[in-house]
C-alpha atoms as a PDB file:
ATOM      1  CA  MET A   1       1.401   9.862  -8.905  1.00  0.00           C
ATOM      2  CA  THR A   2       0.599   6.204  -8.328  1.00  0.00           C
ATOM      3  CA  ILE A   3      -1.246   4.920  -5.303  1.00  0.00           C
ATOM      4  CA  VAL A   4       2.013   3.312  -4.111  1.00  0.00           C
ATOM      5  CA  GLU A   5       3.909   6.610  -4.375  1.00  0.00           C
ATOM      6  CA  PHE A   6       1.041   8.407  -2.638  1.00  0.00           C
ATOM      7  CA  LEU A   7       0.930   5.929   0.241  1.00  0.00           C
ATOM      8  CA  ASN A   8       4.704   5.855   0.665  1.00  0.00           C
ATOM      9  CA  ALA A   9       4.718   9.664   0.936  1.00  0.00           C
ATOM     10  CA  ARG A  10       1.864   9.695   3.465  1.00  0.00           C
ATOM     11  CA  LEU A  11       3.478   6.920   5.512  1.00  0.00           C
ATOM     12  CA  ALA A  12       6.749   8.860   5.607  1.00  0.00           C
ATOM     13  CA  GLU A  13       4.795  11.853   6.940  1.00  0.00           C
ATOM     14  CA  ASP A  14       3.088   9.642   9.522  1.00  0.00           C
ATOM     15  CA  GLU A  15       6.417   8.178  10.587  1.00  0.00           C
ATOM     16  CA  ASN A  16       7.889  11.658  11.059  1.00  0.00           C
ATOM     17  CA  ALA A  17       4.859  12.629  13.128  1.00  0.00           C
ATOM     18  CA  ALA A  18       5.286   9.469  15.216  1.00  0.00           C
ATOM     19  CA  HIS A  19       8.801  10.511  16.158  1.00  0.00           C
ATOM     20  CA  ALA A  20       7.388  13.795  17.456  1.00  0.00           C
ATOM     21  CA  ALA A  21       4.456  12.173  19.289  1.00  0.00           C
ATOM     22  CA  SER A  22       4.366  12.274  23.051  1.00  0.00           C
ATOM     23  CA  PRO A  23       4.206   9.046  25.023  1.00  0.00           C
ATOM     24  CA  GLY A  24       0.759   8.099  26.176  1.00  0.00           C
ATOM     25  CA  THR A  25      -1.714   5.507  25.070  1.00  0.00           C
ATOM     26  CA  GLY A  26       0.510   3.819  22.551  1.00  0.00           C
ATOM     27  CA  GLY A  27       2.464   6.945  21.708  1.00  0.00           C
ATOM     28  CA  PRO A  28       5.201   6.876  19.111  1.00  0.00           C
ATOM     29  CA  GLU A  29       5.767   3.121  19.365  1.00  0.00           C
ATOM     30  CA  ARG A  30       2.204   2.338  18.334  1.00  0.00           C
ATOM     31  CA  ALA A  31       2.314   4.903  15.536  1.00  0.00           C
ATOM     32  CA  ARG A  32       5.577   3.458  14.204  1.00  0.00           C
ATOM     33  CA  ALA A  33       4.135  -0.065  14.381  1.00  0.00           C
ATOM     34  CA  ASP A  34       1.077   1.141  12.462  1.00  0.00           C
ATOM     35  CA  VAL A  35       3.264   2.693   9.751  1.00  0.00           C
ATOM     36  CA  SER A  36       5.352  -0.477   9.562  1.00  0.00           C
ATOM     37  CA  ALA A  37       2.264  -2.665   9.133  1.00  0.00           C
ATOM     38  CA  LYS A  38       0.917  -0.429   6.375  1.00  0.00           C
ATOM     39  CA  ARG A  39       4.288  -0.419   4.624  1.00  0.00           C
ATOM     40  CA  GLY A  40       4.160  -4.212   4.693  1.00  0.00           C
ATOM     41  CA  ILE A  41       0.855  -4.108   2.818  1.00  0.00           C
ATOM     42  CA  VAL A  42       2.304  -1.710   0.223  1.00  0.00           C
ATOM     43  CA  GLU A  43       5.356  -3.973  -0.178  1.00  0.00           C
ATOM     44  CA  GLU A  44       3.198  -7.093  -0.643  1.00  0.00           C
ATOM     45  CA  TYR A  45       1.202  -5.319  -3.348  1.00  0.00           C
ATOM     46  CA  THR A  46       4.398  -4.172  -5.068  1.00  0.00           C
ATOM     47  CA  ALA A  47       5.885  -7.684  -5.032  1.00  0.00           C
ATOM     48  CA  THR A  48       2.682  -9.224  -6.403  1.00  0.00           C
ATOM     49  CA  TYR A  49       2.436  -6.510  -9.071  1.00  0.00           C
ATOM     50  CA  ARG A  50       6.004  -7.221 -10.192  1.00  0.00           C
ATOM     51  CA  GLU A  51       5.282 -10.954 -10.307  1.00  0.00           C
ATOM     52  CA  CYS A  52       2.247 -10.375 -12.520  1.00  0.00           C
ATOM     53  CA  MET A  53       4.106  -7.968 -14.812  1.00  0.00           C
ATOM     54  CA  ASP A  54       7.035 -10.395 -15.137  1.00  0.00           C
ATOM     55  CA  THR A  55       4.583 -13.128 -16.095  1.00  0.00           C
ATOM     56  CA  LEU A  56       2.998 -10.868 -18.710  1.00  0.00           C
ATOM     57  CA  ASN A  57       6.386  -9.835 -20.073  1.00  0.00           C
ATOM     58  CA  ASN A  58       7.258 -13.515 -20.450  1.00  0.00           C
ATOM     59  CA  GLY A  59       4.048 -13.982 -22.427  1.00  0.00           C
ATOM     60  CA  ASP A  60       2.531 -16.470 -19.988  1.00  0.00           C
ATOM     61  CA  ARG A  61      -0.587 -14.967 -18.448  1.00  0.00           C
ATOM     62  CA  THR A  62      -1.935 -18.468 -17.885  1.00  0.00           C
ATOM     63  CA  ALA A  63       0.734 -19.187 -15.259  1.00  0.00           C
ATOM     64  CA  ALA A  64      -0.329 -16.168 -13.219  1.00  0.00           C
ATOM     65  CA  ASP A  65      -3.979 -17.169 -13.589  1.00  0.00           C
ATOM     66  CA  GLU A  66      -3.242 -20.704 -12.421  1.00  0.00           C
ATOM     67  CA  ASP A  67      -1.334 -19.701  -9.305  1.00  0.00           C
ATOM     68  CA  GLY A  68      -3.844 -16.999  -8.353  1.00  0.00           C
ATOM     69  CA  ALA A  69      -1.437 -14.087  -8.769  1.00  0.00           C
ATOM     70  CA  TRP A  70      -4.042 -11.943 -10.525  1.00  0.00           C
ATOM     71  CA  SER A  71      -6.572 -12.553  -7.758  1.00  0.00           C
ATOM     72  CA  ALA A  72      -3.926 -11.735  -5.160  1.00  0.00           C
ATOM     73  CA  LEU A  73      -2.988  -8.564  -7.033  1.00  0.00           C
ATOM     74  CA  HIS A  74      -6.625  -7.461  -7.047  1.00  0.00           C
ATOM     75  CA  ALA A  75      -6.962  -8.151  -3.320  1.00  0.00           C
ATOM     76  CA  TRP A  76      -3.774  -6.232  -2.474  1.00  0.00           C
ATOM     77  CA  ARG A  77      -4.919  -3.350  -4.692  1.00  0.00           C
ATOM     78  CA  ARG A  78      -8.214  -3.157  -2.794  1.00  0.00           C
ATOM     79  CA  ALA A  79      -6.232  -3.061   0.458  1.00  0.00           C
ATOM     80  CA  LEU A  80      -4.209  -0.108  -0.876  1.00  0.00           C
ATOM     81  CA  GLU A  81      -7.400   1.709  -1.841  1.00  0.00           C
ATOM     82  CA  HIS A  82      -8.679   1.301   1.723  1.00  0.00           C
ATOM     83  CA  LEU A  83      -5.380   2.551   3.156  1.00  0.00           C
ATOM     84  CA  ALA A  84      -5.392   5.547   0.801  1.00  0.00           C
ATOM     85  CA  ALA A  85      -8.980   6.438   1.749  1.00  0.00           C
ATOM     86  CA  VAL A  86      -7.700   7.598   5.152  1.00  0.00           C
ATOM     87  CA  TYR A  87      -5.932  10.421   3.298  1.00  0.00           C
ATOM     88  CA  ALA A  88      -8.853  11.368   1.016  1.00  0.00           C
ATOM     89  CA  ALA A  89      -8.638  15.027   2.084  1.00  0.00           C
ATOM     90  CA  HIS A  90      -5.017  15.265   0.909  1.00  0.00           C
ATOM     91  CA  PRO A  91      -4.629  17.302  -2.316  1.00  0.00           C
ATOM     92  CA  ASP A  92      -2.692  14.474  -4.006  1.00  0.00           C
ATOM     93  CA  TYR A  93      -5.416  11.907  -3.334  1.00  0.00           C
ATOM     94  CA  ASP A  94      -6.949  10.582  -6.553  1.00  0.00           C
ATOM     95  CA  PRO A  95     -10.723  10.006  -6.292  1.00  0.00           C
ATOM     96  CA  ALA A  96     -10.277   7.121  -8.764  1.00  0.00           C
ATOM     97  CA  TRP A  97      -8.734   5.203  -5.847  1.00  0.00           C
ATOM     98  CA  LYS A  98     -12.118   4.999  -4.136  1.00  0.00           C
ATOM     99  CA  GLY A  99     -13.115   1.350  -4.146  1.00  0.00           C
END
């Protein structure tokens, strides 16, 4: 299981829990907004990863280096590791994801 698959599964669980949450301080709306924000981070990582892999597949690593795609990919990956750390007690969590 990749970190992206892991986070998407946990976020789906969180979203389901948000629908069942009772209104209160933030309630389900805040929980859904939180899930949406985290999904945005996962999506940004995925898009940057694809960009870097496309560049590699085209044999032009230099282009990705020049536009900072590799640095961006590393930064997004670190963000995913921090998001995943919240779920460290989950049996599918991979300790290799610790930053």
